[in-house]
PDB file of N, CA and C in Angstrom:
ATOM      1  N   MET A   1     179.074-163.787 173.441  1.00  0.00           N
ATOM      2  CA  MET A   1     179.164-163.588 174.860  1.00  0.00           C
ATOM      3  C   MET A   1     177.762-163.615 175.457  1.00  0.00           C
ATOM      4  N   ALA A   2     177.582-164.392 176.510  1.00  0.00           N
ATOM      5  CA  ALA A   2     176.298-164.486 177.190  1.00  0.00           C
ATOM      6  C   ALA A   2     176.094-163.254 178.052  1.00  0.00           C
ATOM      7  N   SER A   3     174.869-162.755 178.078  1.00  0.00           N
ATOM      8  CA  SER A   3     174.574-161.568 178.876  1.00  0.00           C
ATOM      9  C   SER A   3     173.229-161.697 179.551  1.00  0.00           C
ATOM     10  N   LEU A   4     173.064-160.958 180.611  1.00  0.00           N
ATOM     11  CA  LEU A   4     171.763-160.865 181.252  1.00  0.00           C
ATOM     12  C   LEU A   4     171.616-159.475 181.806  1.00  0.00           C
ATOM     13  N   SER A   5     170.391-159.079 182.002  1.00  0.00           N
ATOM     14  CA  SER A   5     170.111-157.794 182.594  1.00  0.00           C
ATOM     15  C   SER A   5     169.457-158.060 183.937  1.00  0.00           C
ATOM     16  N   PHE A   6     169.835-157.322 184.938  1.00  0.00           N
ATOM     17  CA  PHE A   6     169.411-157.565 186.310  1.00  0.00           C
ATOM     18  C   PHE A   6     168.732-156.319 186.839  1.00  0.00           C
ATOM     19  N   PHE A   7     167.533-156.455 187.343  1.00  0.00           N
ATOM     20  CA  PHE A   7     166.773-155.315 187.830  1.00  0.00           C
ATOM     21  C   PHE A   7     166.511-155.476 189.320  1.00  0.00           C
ATOM     22  N   GLN A   8     166.902-154.514 190.082  1.00  0.00           N
ATOM     23  CA  GLN A   8     166.641-154.527 191.512  1.00  0.00           C
ATOM     24  C   GLN A   8     165.865-153.277 191.857  1.00  0.00           C
ATOM     25  N   TYR A   9     164.547-153.420 191.985  1.00  0.00           N
ATOM     26  CA  TYR A   9     163.685-152.267 192.140  1.00  0.00           C
ATOM     27  C   TYR A   9     163.709-151.642 193.529  1.00  0.00           C
ATOM     28  N   ALA A  10     164.081-152.405 194.546  1.00  0.00           N
ATOM     29  CA  ALA A  10     163.994-151.895 195.911  1.00  0.00           C
ATOM     30  C   ALA A  10     164.748-150.584 196.063  1.00  0.00           C
ATOM     31  N   ASN A  11     165.847-150.445 195.383  1.00  0.00           N
ATOM     32  CA  ASN A  11     166.597-149.197 195.481  1.00  0.00           C
ATOM     33  C   ASN A  11     166.845-148.608 194.094  1.00  0.00           C
ATOM     34  N   ASP A  12     165.981-148.924 193.163  1.00  0.00           N
ATOM     35  CA  ASP A  12     166.044-148.379 191.805  1.00  0.00           C
ATOM     36  C   ASP A  12     167.392-148.596 191.135  1.00  0.00           C
ATOM     37  N   THR A  13     167.907-149.793 191.263  1.00  0.00           N
ATOM     38  CA  THR A  13     169.175-150.138 190.631  1.00  0.00           C
ATOM     39  C   THR A  13     168.911-151.073 189.466  1.00  0.00           C
ATOM     40  N   THR A  14     169.532-150.785 188.349  1.00  0.00           N
ATOM     41  CA  THR A  14     169.467-151.651 187.184  1.00  0.00           C
ATOM     42  C   THR A  14     170.894-151.932 186.767  1.00  0.00           C
ATOM     43  N   ALA A  15     171.198-153.199 186.552  1.00  0.00           N
ATOM     44  CA  ALA A  15     172.557-153.568 186.145  1.00  0.00           C
ATOM     45  C   ALA A  15     172.499-154.434 184.903  1.00  0.00           C
ATOM     46  N   VAL A  16     173.350-154.154 183.949  1.00  0.00           N
ATOM     47  CA  VAL A  16     173.508-155.003 182.779  1.00  0.00           C
ATOM     48  C   VAL A  16     174.842-155.713 182.971  1.00  0.00           C
ATOM     49  N   LEU A  17     174.782-157.032 183.051  1.00  0.00           N
ATOM     50  CA  LEU A  17     175.954-157.815 183.422  1.00  0.00           C
ATOM     51  C   LEU A  17     176.393-158.726 182.283  1.00  0.00           C
ATOM     52  N   SER A  18     177.658-159.052 182.255  1.00  0.00           N
ATOM     53  CA  SER A  18     178.213-159.817 181.133  1.00  0.00           C
ATOM     54  C   SER A  18     177.971-161.311 181.230  1.00  0.00           C
ATOM     55  N   ASP A  19     177.752-161.828 182.428  1.00  0.00           N
ATOM     56  CA  ASP A  19     177.533-163.271 182.580  1.00  0.00           C
ATOM     57  C   ASP A  19     176.895-163.553 183.938  1.00  0.00           C
ATOM     58  N   THR A  20     176.489-164.789 184.142  1.00  0.00           N
ATOM     59  CA  THR A  20     175.831-165.129 185.408  1.00  0.00           C
ATOM     60  C   THR A  20     176.789-165.017 186.577  1.00  0.00           C
ATOM     61  N   GLU A  21     178.053-165.280 186.356  1.00  0.00           N
ATOM     62  CA  GLU A  21     179.039-165.168 187.434  1.00  0.00           C
ATOM     63  C   GLU A  21     179.086-163.741 187.990  1.00  0.00           C
ATOM     64  N   SER A  22     179.066-162.750 187.108  1.00  0.00           N
ATOM     65  CA  SER A  22     179.103-161.354 187.569  1.00  0.00           C
ATOM     66  C   SER A  22     177.797-160.947 188.243  1.00  0.00           C
ATOM     67  N   ALA A  23     176.719-161.692 188.019  1.00  0.00           N
ATOM     68  CA  ALA A  23     175.436-161.370 188.648  1.00  0.00           C
ATOM     69  C   ALA A  23     175.463-161.633 190.148  1.00  0.00           C
ATOM     70  N   TYR A  24     176.367-162.469 190.594  1.00  0.00           N
ATOM     71  CA  TYR A  24     176.458-162.737 192.025  1.00  0.00           C
ATOM     72  C   TYR A  24     177.070-161.563 192.788  1.00  0.00           C
ATOM     73  N   LYS A  25     177.838-160.729 192.129  1.00  0.00           N
ATOM     74  CA  LYS A  25     178.511-159.599 192.786  1.00  0.00           C
ATOM     75  C   LYS A  25     177.539-158.637 193.468  1.00  0.00           C
ATOM     76  N   PRO A  26     176.451-158.181 192.783  1.00  0.00           N
ATOM     77  CA  PRO A  26     175.517-157.276 193.482  1.00  0.00           C
ATOM     78  C   PRO A  26     174.895-157.916 194.720  1.00  0.00           C
ATOM     79  N   PHE A  27     174.639-159.236 194.650  1.00  0.00           N
ATOM     80  CA  PHE A  27     174.063-159.926 195.800  1.00  0.00           C
ATOM     81  C   PHE A  27     175.059-159.963 196.955  1.00  0.00           C
ATOM     82  N   GLN A  28     176.326-160.177 196.640  1.00  0.00           N
ATOM     83  CA  GLN A  28     177.359-160.176 197.672  1.00  0.00           C
ATOM     84  C   GLN A  28     177.477-158.792 198.316  1.00  0.00           C
ATOM     85  N   LEU A  29     177.412-157.770 197.487  1.00  0.00           N
ATOM     86  CA  LEU A  29     177.486-156.404 197.995  1.00  0.00           C
ATOM     87  C   LEU A  29     176.290-156.090 198.892  1.00  0.00           C
ATOM     88  N   LEU A  30     175.100-156.515 198.478  1.00  0.00           N
ATOM     89  CA  LEU A  30     173.904-156.297 199.300  1.00  0.00           C
ATOM     90  C   LEU A  30     173.988-157.050 200.618  1.00  0.00           C
ATOM     91  N   ASP A  31     174.602-158.221 200.594  1.00  0.00           N
ATOM     92  CA  ASP A  31     174.769-158.985 201.824  1.00  0.00           C
ATOM     93  C   ASP A  31     175.710-158.253 202.786  1.00  0.00           C
ATOM     94  N   LYS A  32     176.772-157.676 202.263  1.00  0.00           N
ATOM     95  CA  LYS A  32     177.682-156.887 203.095  1.00  0.00           C
ATOM     96  C   LYS A  32     176.955-155.665 203.660  1.00  0.00           C
ATOM     97  N   PHE A  33     176.154-155.010 202.825  1.00  0.00           N
ATOM     98  CA  PHE A  33     175.376-153.859 203.273  1.00  0.00           C
ATOM     99  C   PHE A  33     174.440-154.253 204.402  1.00  0.00           C
ATOM    100  N   LYS A  34     173.814-155.417 204.278  1.00  0.00           N
ATOM    101  CA  LYS A  34     172.894-155.918 205.297  1.00  0.00           C
ATOM    102  C   LYS A  34     173.619-156.106 206.626  1.00  0.00           C
ATOM    103  N   LYS A  35     174.817-156.668 206.570  1.00  0.00           N
ATOM    104  CA  LYS A  35     175.581-156.908 207.795  1.00  0.00           C
ATOM    105  C   LYS A  35     175.955-155.607 208.487  1.00  0.00           C
ATOM    106  N   VAL A  36     176.245-154.568 207.715  1.00  0.00           N
ATOM    107  CA  VAL A  36     176.651-153.287 208.282  1.00  0.00           C
ATOM    108  C   VAL A  36     175.445-152.483 208.758  1.00  0.00           C
ATOM    109  N   SER A  37     174.372-152.465 207.976  1.00  0.00           N
ATOM    110  CA  SER A  37     173.237-151.578 208.271  1.00  0.00           C
ATOM    111  C   SER A  37     172.074-152.253 208.982  1.00  0.00           C
ATOM    112  N   GLY A  38     171.989-153.564 208.853  1.00  0.00           N
ATOM    113  CA  GLY A  38     170.836-154.270 209.400  1.00  0.00           C
ATOM    114  C   GLY A  38     169.641-154.265 208.463  1.00  0.00           C
ATOM    115  N   LEU A  39     169.767-153.625 207.296  1.00  0.00           N
ATOM    116  CA  LEU A  39     168.685-153.571 206.312  1.00  0.00           C
ATOM    117  C   LEU A  39     168.814-154.722 205.341  1.00  0.00           C
ATOM    118  N   LYS A  40     167.675-155.226 204.886  1.00  0.00           N
ATOM    119  CA  LYS A  40     167.684-156.379 203.999  1.00  0.00           C
ATOM    120  C   LYS A  40     166.769-156.134 202.810  1.00  0.00           C
ATOM    121  N   VAL A  41     167.216-156.539 201.639  1.00  0.00           N
ATOM    122  CA  VAL A  41     166.398-156.470 200.432  1.00  0.00           C
ATOM    123  C   VAL A  41     165.655-157.788 200.313  1.00  0.00           C
ATOM    124  N   ASN A  42     164.342-157.722 200.118  1.00  0.00           N
ATOM    125  CA  ASN A  42     163.550-158.928 199.920  1.00  0.00           C
ATOM    126  C   ASN A  42     163.625-159.315 198.450  1.00  0.00           C
ATOM    127  N   SER A  43     164.567-160.167 198.112  1.00  0.00           N
ATOM    128  CA  SER A  43     164.809-160.501 196.705  1.00  0.00           C
ATOM    129  C   SER A  43     163.626-161.199 196.051  1.00  0.00           C
ATOM    130  N   SER A  44     162.794-161.882 196.817  1.00  0.00           N
ATOM    131  CA  SER A  44     161.648-162.554 196.196  1.00  0.00           C
ATOM    132  C   SER A  44     160.608-161.557 195.694  1.00  0.00           C
ATOM    133  N   LYS A  45     160.644-160.329 196.183  1.00  0.00           N
ATOM    134  CA  LYS A  45     159.683-159.310 195.763  1.00  0.00           C
ATOM    135  C   LYS A  45     160.297-158.217 194.899  1.00  0.00           C
ATOM    136  N   THR A  46     161.596-158.057 194.921  1.00  0.00           N
ATOM    137  CA  THR A  46     162.167-156.850 194.334  1.00  0.00           C
ATOM    138  C   THR A  46     163.065-157.073 193.141  1.00  0.00           C
ATOM    139  N   GLU A  47     163.431-158.273 192.830  1.00  0.00           N
ATOM    140  CA  GLU A  47     164.415-158.463 191.773  1.00  0.00           C
ATOM    141  C   GLU A  47     163.888-159.328 190.640  1.00  0.00           C
ATOM    142  N   GLU A  48     164.214-158.911 189.431  1.00  0.00           N
ATOM    143  CA  GLU A  48     163.839-159.645 188.230  1.00  0.00           C
ATOM    144  C   GLU A  48     165.032-159.671 187.288  1.00  0.00           C
ATOM    145  N   GLY A  49     165.087-160.717 186.501  1.00  0.00           N
ATOM    146  CA  GLY A  49     166.155-160.816 185.523  1.00  0.00           C
ATOM    147  C   GLY A  49     165.599-161.009 184.126  1.00  0.00           C
ATOM    148  N   LEU A  50     166.369-160.587 183.150  1.00  0.00           N
ATOM    149  CA  LEU A  50     166.006-160.735 181.742  1.00  0.00           C
ATOM    150  C   LEU A  50     167.265-161.125 180.984  1.00  0.00           C
ATOM    151  N   TRP A  51     167.241-162.279 180.354  1.00  0.00           N
ATOM    152  CA  TRP A  51     168.383-162.719 179.564  1.00  0.00           C
ATOM    153  C   TRP A  51     168.478-161.894 178.293  1.00  0.00           C
ATOM    154  N   ILE A  52     169.685-161.477 177.950  1.00  0.00           N
ATOM    155  CA  ILE A  52     169.918-160.751 176.703  1.00  0.00           C
ATOM    156  C   ILE A  52     171.116-161.370 175.993  1.00  0.00           C
ATOM    157  N   GLY A  53     171.413-160.922 174.809  1.00  0.00           N
ATOM    158  CA  GLY A  53     172.545-161.465 174.061  1.00  0.00           C
ATOM    159  C   GLY A  53     172.302-162.903 173.645  1.00  0.00           C
ATOM    160  N   SER A  54     173.335-163.731 173.721  1.00  0.00           N
ATOM    161  CA  SER A  54     173.221-165.118 173.267  1.00  0.00           C
ATOM    162  C   SER A  54     172.326-165.964 174.161  1.00  0.00           C
ATOM    163  N   LEU A  55     172.032-165.512 175.368  1.00  0.00           N
ATOM    164  CA  LEU A  55     171.148-166.259 176.271  1.00  0.00           C
ATOM    165  C   LEU A  55     169.714-165.744 176.252  1.00  0.00           C
ATOM    166  N   LYS A  56     169.413-164.867 175.316  1.00  0.00           N
ATOM    167  CA  LYS A  56     168.057-164.318 175.189  1.00  0.00           C
ATOM    168  C   LYS A  56     167.036-165.451 175.167  1.00  0.00           C
ATOM    169  N   GLY A  57     166.059-165.376 176.053  1.00  0.00           N
ATOM    170  CA  GLY A  57     165.013-166.387 176.107  1.00  0.00           C
ATOM    171  C   GLY A  57     165.401-167.657 176.835  1.00  0.00           C
ATOM    172  N   SER A  58     166.541-167.667 177.500  1.00  0.00           N
ATOM    173  CA  SER A  58     167.005-168.858 178.212  1.00  0.00           C
ATOM    174  C   SER A  58     165.993-169.295 179.268  1.00  0.00           C
ATOM    175  N   GLU A  59     165.932-170.584 179.513  1.00  0.00           N
ATOM    176  CA  GLU A  59     165.037-171.135 180.524  1.00  0.00           C
ATOM    177  C   GLU A  59     165.715-171.229 181.891  1.00  0.00           C
ATOM    178  N   MET A  60     167.008-170.933 181.970  1.00  0.00           N
ATOM    179  CA  MET A  60     167.713-170.986 183.255  1.00  0.00           C
ATOM    180  C   MET A  60     167.148-169.919 184.181  1.00  0.00           C
ATOM    181  N   LYS A  61     167.078-170.248 185.472  1.00  0.00           N
ATOM    182  CA  LYS A  61     166.534-169.316 186.456  1.00  0.00           C
ATOM    183  C   LYS A  61     167.437-169.279 187.695  1.00  0.00           C
ATOM    184  N   PRO A  62     168.650-168.766 187.543  1.00  0.00           N
ATOM    185  CA  PRO A  62     169.571-168.718 188.681  1.00  0.00           C
ATOM    186  C   PRO A  62     169.293-167.555 189.624  1.00  0.00           C
ATOM    187  N   LEU A  63     170.016-167.504 190.719  1.00  0.00           N
ATOM    188  CA  LEU A  63     170.079-166.378 191.651  1.00  0.00           C
ATOM    189  C   LEU A  63     168.869-166.237 192.565  1.00  0.00           C
ATOM    190  N   GLY A  64     167.866-167.078 192.421  1.00  0.00           N
ATOM    191  CA  GLY A  64     166.690-166.971 193.279  1.00  0.00           C
ATOM    192  C   GLY A  64     165.858-165.733 193.019  1.00  0.00           C
ATOM    193  N   ILE A  65     165.888-165.222 191.798  1.00  0.00           N
ATOM    194  CA  ILE A  65     165.098-164.043 191.439  1.00  0.00           C
ATOM    195  C   ILE A  65     164.025-164.441 190.435  1.00  0.00           C
ATOM    196  N   LYS A  66     163.127-163.524 190.140  1.00  0.00           N
ATOM    197  CA  LYS A  66     162.057-163.779 189.172  1.00  0.00           C
ATOM    198  C   LYS A  66     162.614-163.659 187.751  1.00  0.00           C
ATOM    199  N   TRP A  67     162.154-164.525 186.869  1.00  0.00           N
ATOM    200  CA  TRP A  67     162.489-164.473 185.443  1.00  0.00           C
ATOM    201  C   TRP A  67     161.163-164.459 184.693  1.00  0.00           C
ATOM    202  N   PRO A  68     160.499-163.296 184.631  1.00  0.00           N
ATOM    203  CA  PRO A  68     159.132-163.206 184.094  1.00  0.00           C
ATOM    204  C   PRO A  68     159.036-163.497 182.598  1.00  0.00           C
ATOM    205  N   GLN A  69     157.833-163.824 182.197  1.00  0.00           N
ATOM    206  CA  GLN A  69     157.527-164.083 180.791  1.00  0.00           C
ATOM    207  C   GLN A  69     156.866-162.875 180.133  1.00  0.00           C
ATOM    208  N   ASP A  70     156.874-161.757 180.821  1.00  0.00           N
ATOM    209  CA  ASP A  70     156.291-160.510 180.333  1.00  0.00           C
ATOM    210  C   ASP A  70     157.343-159.408 180.427  1.00  0.00           C
ATOM    211  N   PRO A  71     157.089-158.275 179.777  1.00  0.00           N
ATOM    212  CA  PRO A  71     158.052-157.171 179.848  1.00  0.00           C
ATOM    213  C   PRO A  71     158.353-156.754 181.286  1.00  0.00           C
ATOM    214  N   ILE A  72     159.576-156.345 181.495  1.00  0.00           N
ATOM    215  CA  ILE A  72     160.038-155.854 182.790  1.00  0.00           C
ATOM    216  C   ILE A  72     160.062-154.335 182.726  1.00  0.00           C
ATOM    217  N   LYS A  73     159.623-153.700 183.805  1.00  0.00           N
ATOM    218  CA  LYS A  73     159.623-152.237 183.856  1.00  0.00           C
ATOM    219  C   LYS A  73     160.641-151.790 184.892  1.00  0.00           C
ATOM    220  N   ALA A  74     161.551-150.922 184.477  1.00  0.00           N
ATOM    221  CA  ALA A  74     162.546-150.358 185.389  1.00  0.00           C
ATOM    222  C   ALA A  74     162.645-148.863 185.130  1.00  0.00           C
ATOM    223  N   LEU A  75     162.477-148.091 186.187  1.00  0.00           N
ATOM    224  CA  LEU A  75     162.550-146.634 186.099  1.00  0.00           C
ATOM    225  C   LEU A  75     161.625-146.074 185.027  1.00  0.00           C
ATOM    226  N   GLY A  76     160.438-146.684 184.898  1.00  0.00           N
ATOM    227  CA  GLY A  76     159.427-146.186 183.975  1.00  0.00           C
ATOM    228  C   GLY A  76     159.557-146.661 182.542  1.00  0.00           C
ATOM    229  N   ILE A  77     160.549-147.483 182.236  1.00  0.00           N
ATOM    230  CA  ILE A  77     160.773-147.970 180.881  1.00  0.00           C
ATOM    231  C   ILE A  77     160.601-149.484 180.852  1.00  0.00           C
ATOM    232  N   PHE A  78     159.892-149.976 179.841  1.00  0.00           N
ATOM    233  CA  PHE A  78     159.719-151.410 179.669  1.00  0.00           C
ATOM    234  C   PHE A  78     160.867-151.989 178.854  1.00  0.00           C
ATOM    235  N   PHE A  79     161.289-153.192 179.228  1.00  0.00           N
ATOM    236  CA  PHE A  79     162.329-153.941 178.526  1.00  0.00           C
ATOM    237  C   PHE A  79     161.763-155.302 178.146  1.00  0.00           C
ATOM    238  N   TRP A  80     162.030-155.720 176.911  1.00  0.00           N
ATOM    239  CA  TRP A  80     161.569-157.029 176.460  1.00  0.00           C
ATOM    240  C   TRP A  80     162.172-157.319 175.094  1.00  0.00           C
ATOM    241  N   TYR A  81     161.889-158.493 174.576  1.00  0.00           N
ATOM    242  CA  TYR A  81     162.454-158.938 173.303  1.00  0.00           C
ATOM    243  C   TYR A  81     161.678-158.429 172.090  1.00  0.00           C
ATOM    244  N   ASP A  82     160.387-158.235 172.229  1.00  0.00           N
ATOM    245  CA  ASP A  82     159.506-157.860 171.129  1.00  0.00           C
ATOM    246  C   ASP A  82     159.516-156.341 170.926  1.00  0.00           C
ATOM    247  N   LYS A  83     160.133-155.882 169.843  1.00  0.00           N
ATOM    248  CA  LYS A  83     160.267-154.445 169.588  1.00  0.00           C
ATOM    249  C   LYS A  83     158.922-153.759 169.403  1.00  0.00           C
ATOM    250  N   LYS A  84     157.973-154.436 168.767  1.00  0.00           N
ATOM    251  CA  LYS A  84     156.651-153.837 168.560  1.00  0.00           C
ATOM    252  C   LYS A  84     155.938-153.617 169.891  1.00  0.00           C
ATOM    253  N   LEU A  85     156.027-154.599 170.767  1.00  0.00           N
ATOM    254  CA  LEU A  85     155.406-154.470 172.085  1.00  0.00           C
ATOM    255  C   LEU A  85     156.067-153.340 172.875  1.00  0.00           C
ATOM    256  N   LEU A  86     157.374-153.236 172.795  1.00  0.00           N
ATOM    257  CA  LEU A  86     158.078-152.164 173.504  1.00  0.00           C
ATOM    258  C   LEU A  86     157.697-150.797 172.961  1.00  0.00           C
ATOM    259  N   TYR A  87     157.548-150.684 171.643  1.00  0.00           N
ATOM    260  CA  TYR A  87     157.119-149.422 171.039  1.00  0.00           C
ATOM    261  C   TYR A  87     155.726-149.042 171.567  1.00  0.00           C
ATOM    262  N   LEU A  88     154.848-150.034 171.633  1.00  0.00           N
ATOM    263  CA  LEU A  88     153.496-149.797 172.136  1.00  0.00           C
ATOM    264  C   LEU A  88     153.539-149.319 173.583  1.00  0.00           C
ATOM    265  N   LYS A  89     154.263-150.029 174.431  1.00  0.00           N
ATOM    266  CA  LYS A  89     154.275-149.719 175.857  1.00  0.00           C
ATOM    267  C   LYS A  89     155.079-148.463 176.195  1.00  0.00           C
ATOM    268  N   ASN A  90     156.209-148.261 175.532  1.00  0.00           N
ATOM    269  CA  ASN A  90     157.088-147.143 175.882  1.00  0.00           C
ATOM    270  C   ASN A  90     156.788-145.866 175.122  1.00  0.00           C
ATOM    271  N   PHE A  91     156.084-145.952 174.012  1.00  0.00           N
ATOM    272  CA  PHE A  91     155.813-144.747 173.238  1.00  0.00           C
ATOM    273  C   PHE A  91     154.319-144.514 173.063  1.00  0.00           C
ATOM    274  N   THR A  92     153.650-145.427 172.392  1.00  0.00           N
ATOM    275  CA  THR A  92     152.235-145.230 172.060  1.00  0.00           C
ATOM    276  C   THR A  92     151.373-145.029 173.310  1.00  0.00           C
ATOM    277  N   GLU A  93     151.511-145.914 174.297  1.00  0.00           N
ATOM    278  CA  GLU A  93     150.703-145.782 175.509  1.00  0.00           C
ATOM    279  C   GLU A  93     151.048-144.513 176.278  1.00  0.00           C
ATOM    280  N   LYS A  94     152.321-144.166 176.335  1.00  0.00           N
ATOM    281  CA  LYS A  94     152.731-142.936 177.029  1.00  0.00           C
ATOM    282  C   LYS A  94     152.185-141.701 176.323  1.00  0.00           C
ATOM    283  N   LEU A  95     152.209-141.715 174.996  1.00  0.00           N
ATOM    284  CA  LEU A  95     151.677-140.603 174.224  1.00  0.00           C
ATOM    285  C   LEU A  95     150.182-140.424 174.499  1.00  0.00           C
ATOM    286  N   GLU A  96     149.449-141.513 174.581  1.00  0.00           N
ATOM    287  CA  GLU A  96     148.015-141.441 174.890  1.00  0.00           C
ATOM    288  C   GLU A  96     147.783-140.871 176.287  1.00  0.00           C
ATOM    289  N   GLU A  97     148.624-141.268 177.250  1.00  0.00           N
ATOM    290  CA  GLU A  97     148.507-140.729 178.599  1.00  0.00           C
ATOM    291  C   GLU A  97     148.739-139.216 178.598  1.00  0.00           C
ATOM    292  N   ILE A  98     149.732-138.769 177.850  1.00  0.00           N
ATOM    293  CA  ILE A  98     150.033-137.336 177.762  1.00  0.00           C
ATOM    294  C   ILE A  98     148.872-136.586 177.109  1.00  0.00           C
ATOM    295  N   LYS A  99     148.302-137.150 176.045  1.00  0.00           N
ATOM    296  CA  LYS A  99     147.158-136.517 175.378  1.00  0.00           C
ATOM    297  C   LYS A  99     145.977-136.370 176.331  1.00  0.00           C
ATOM    298  N   LYS A 100     145.701-137.394 177.125  1.00  0.00           N
ATOM    299  CA  LYS A 100     144.604-137.329 178.091  1.00  0.00           C
ATOM    300  C   LYS A 100     144.852-136.236 179.127  1.00  0.00           C
ATOM    301  N   LEU A 101     146.099-136.156 179.579  1.00  0.00           N
ATOM    302  CA  LEU A 101     146.439-135.135 180.558  1.00  0.00           C
ATOM    303  C   LEU A 101     146.291-133.729 179.977  1.00  0.00           C
ATOM    304  N   ILE A 102     146.718-133.547 178.742  1.00  0.00           N
ATOM    305  CA  ILE A 102     146.563-132.245 178.075  1.00  0.00           C
ATOM    306  C   ILE A 102     145.087-131.899 177.932  1.00  0.00           C
ATOM    307  N   ASN A 103     144.258-132.861 177.575  1.00  0.00           N
ATOM    308  CA  ASN A 103     142.815-132.620 177.453  1.00  0.00           C
ATOM    309  C   ASN A 103     142.200-132.222 178.783  1.00  0.00           C
ATOM    310  N   ILE A 104     142.632-132.855 179.853  1.00  0.00           N
ATOM    311  CA  ILE A 104     142.112-132.505 181.178  1.00  0.00           C
ATOM    312  C   ILE A 104     142.456-131.055 181.501  1.00  0.00           C
ATOM    313  N   TRP A 105     143.719-130.689 181.289  1.00  0.00           N
ATOM    314  CA  TRP A 105     144.144-129.318 181.580  1.00  0.00           C
ATOM    315  C   TRP A 105     143.490-128.321 180.629  1.00  0.00           C
ATOM    316  N   SER A 106     143.302-128.693 179.375  1.00  0.00           N
ATOM    317  CA  SER A 106     142.685-127.790 178.400  1.00  0.00           C
ATOM    318  C   SER A 106     141.243-127.473 178.774  1.00  0.00           C
ATOM    319  N   SER A 107     140.541-128.433 179.335  1.00  0.00           N
ATOM    320  CA  SER A 107     139.139-128.233 179.686  1.00  0.00           C
ATOM    321  C   SER A 107     138.958-127.305 180.893  1.00  0.00           C
ATOM    322  N   ARG A 108     140.017-126.979 181.578  1.00  0.00           N
ATOM    323  CA  ARG A 108     139.924-126.115 182.749  1.00  0.00           C
ATOM    324  C   ARG A 108     139.926-124.635 182.401  1.00  0.00           C
ATOM    325  N   GLY A 109     140.179-124.311 181.157  1.00  0.00           N
ATOM    326  CA  GLY A 109     140.106-122.934 180.717  1.00  0.00           C
ATOM    327  C   GLY A 109     141.220-122.028 181.243  1.00  0.00           C
ATOM    328  N   LEU A 110     142.307-122.610 181.627  1.00  0.00           N
ATOM    329  CA  LEU A 110     143.430-121.804 182.137  1.00  0.00           C
ATOM    330  C   LEU A 110     144.317-121.353 180.989  1.00  0.00           C
ATOM    331  N   PRO A 111     144.880-120.154 181.087  1.00  0.00           N
ATOM    332  CA  PRO A 111     145.864-119.735 180.088  1.00  0.00           C
ATOM    333  C   PRO A 111     147.055-120.700 180.110  1.00  0.00           C
ATOM    334  N   PHE A 112     147.720-120.841 178.996  1.00  0.00           N
ATOM    335  CA  PHE A 112     148.802-121.814 178.858  1.00  0.00           C
ATOM    336  C   PHE A 112     149.846-121.697 179.969  1.00  0.00           C
ATOM    337  N   MET A 113     150.268-120.474 180.283  1.00  0.00           N
ATOM    338  CA  MET A 113     151.329-120.281 181.268  1.00  0.00           C
ATOM    339  C   MET A 113     150.886-120.641 182.681  1.00  0.00           C
ATOM    340  N   GLU A 114     149.596-120.728 182.943  1.00  0.00           N
ATOM    341  CA  GLU A 114     149.100-121.079 184.290  1.00  0.00           C
ATOM    342  C   GLU A 114     148.893-122.574 184.437  1.00  0.00           C
ATOM    343  N   ARG A 115     149.042-123.306 183.377  1.00  0.00           N
ATOM    344  CA  ARG A 115     148.848-124.766 183.442  1.00  0.00           C
ATOM    345  C   ARG A 115     150.042-125.341 184.051  1.00  0.00           C
TER     346      ARG A 115
END
């Protein structure tokens, strides 16, 4: 079964869809929302897609959205095909950021409960 993952950052929505046909549904819903509210999502700036499943790495670029060649970040988590790169970005780099933050707070000489 062909699959794709669809990321719409403007309103922090992430959808995992079963096929390209189902990917049109969120766009239709957003169009209806636009007609009712007058608000519009700028799809050229806010939406990215990532092929998964049997279409992983596909060169198709439907829906008028971005299909980047680098990891996609949604809600603070990176998504991509390379597990080692994802481990680096989602765990190792985050752990280093936390260590730096702890060092900053530790150097202030505050008791633990006041940090």
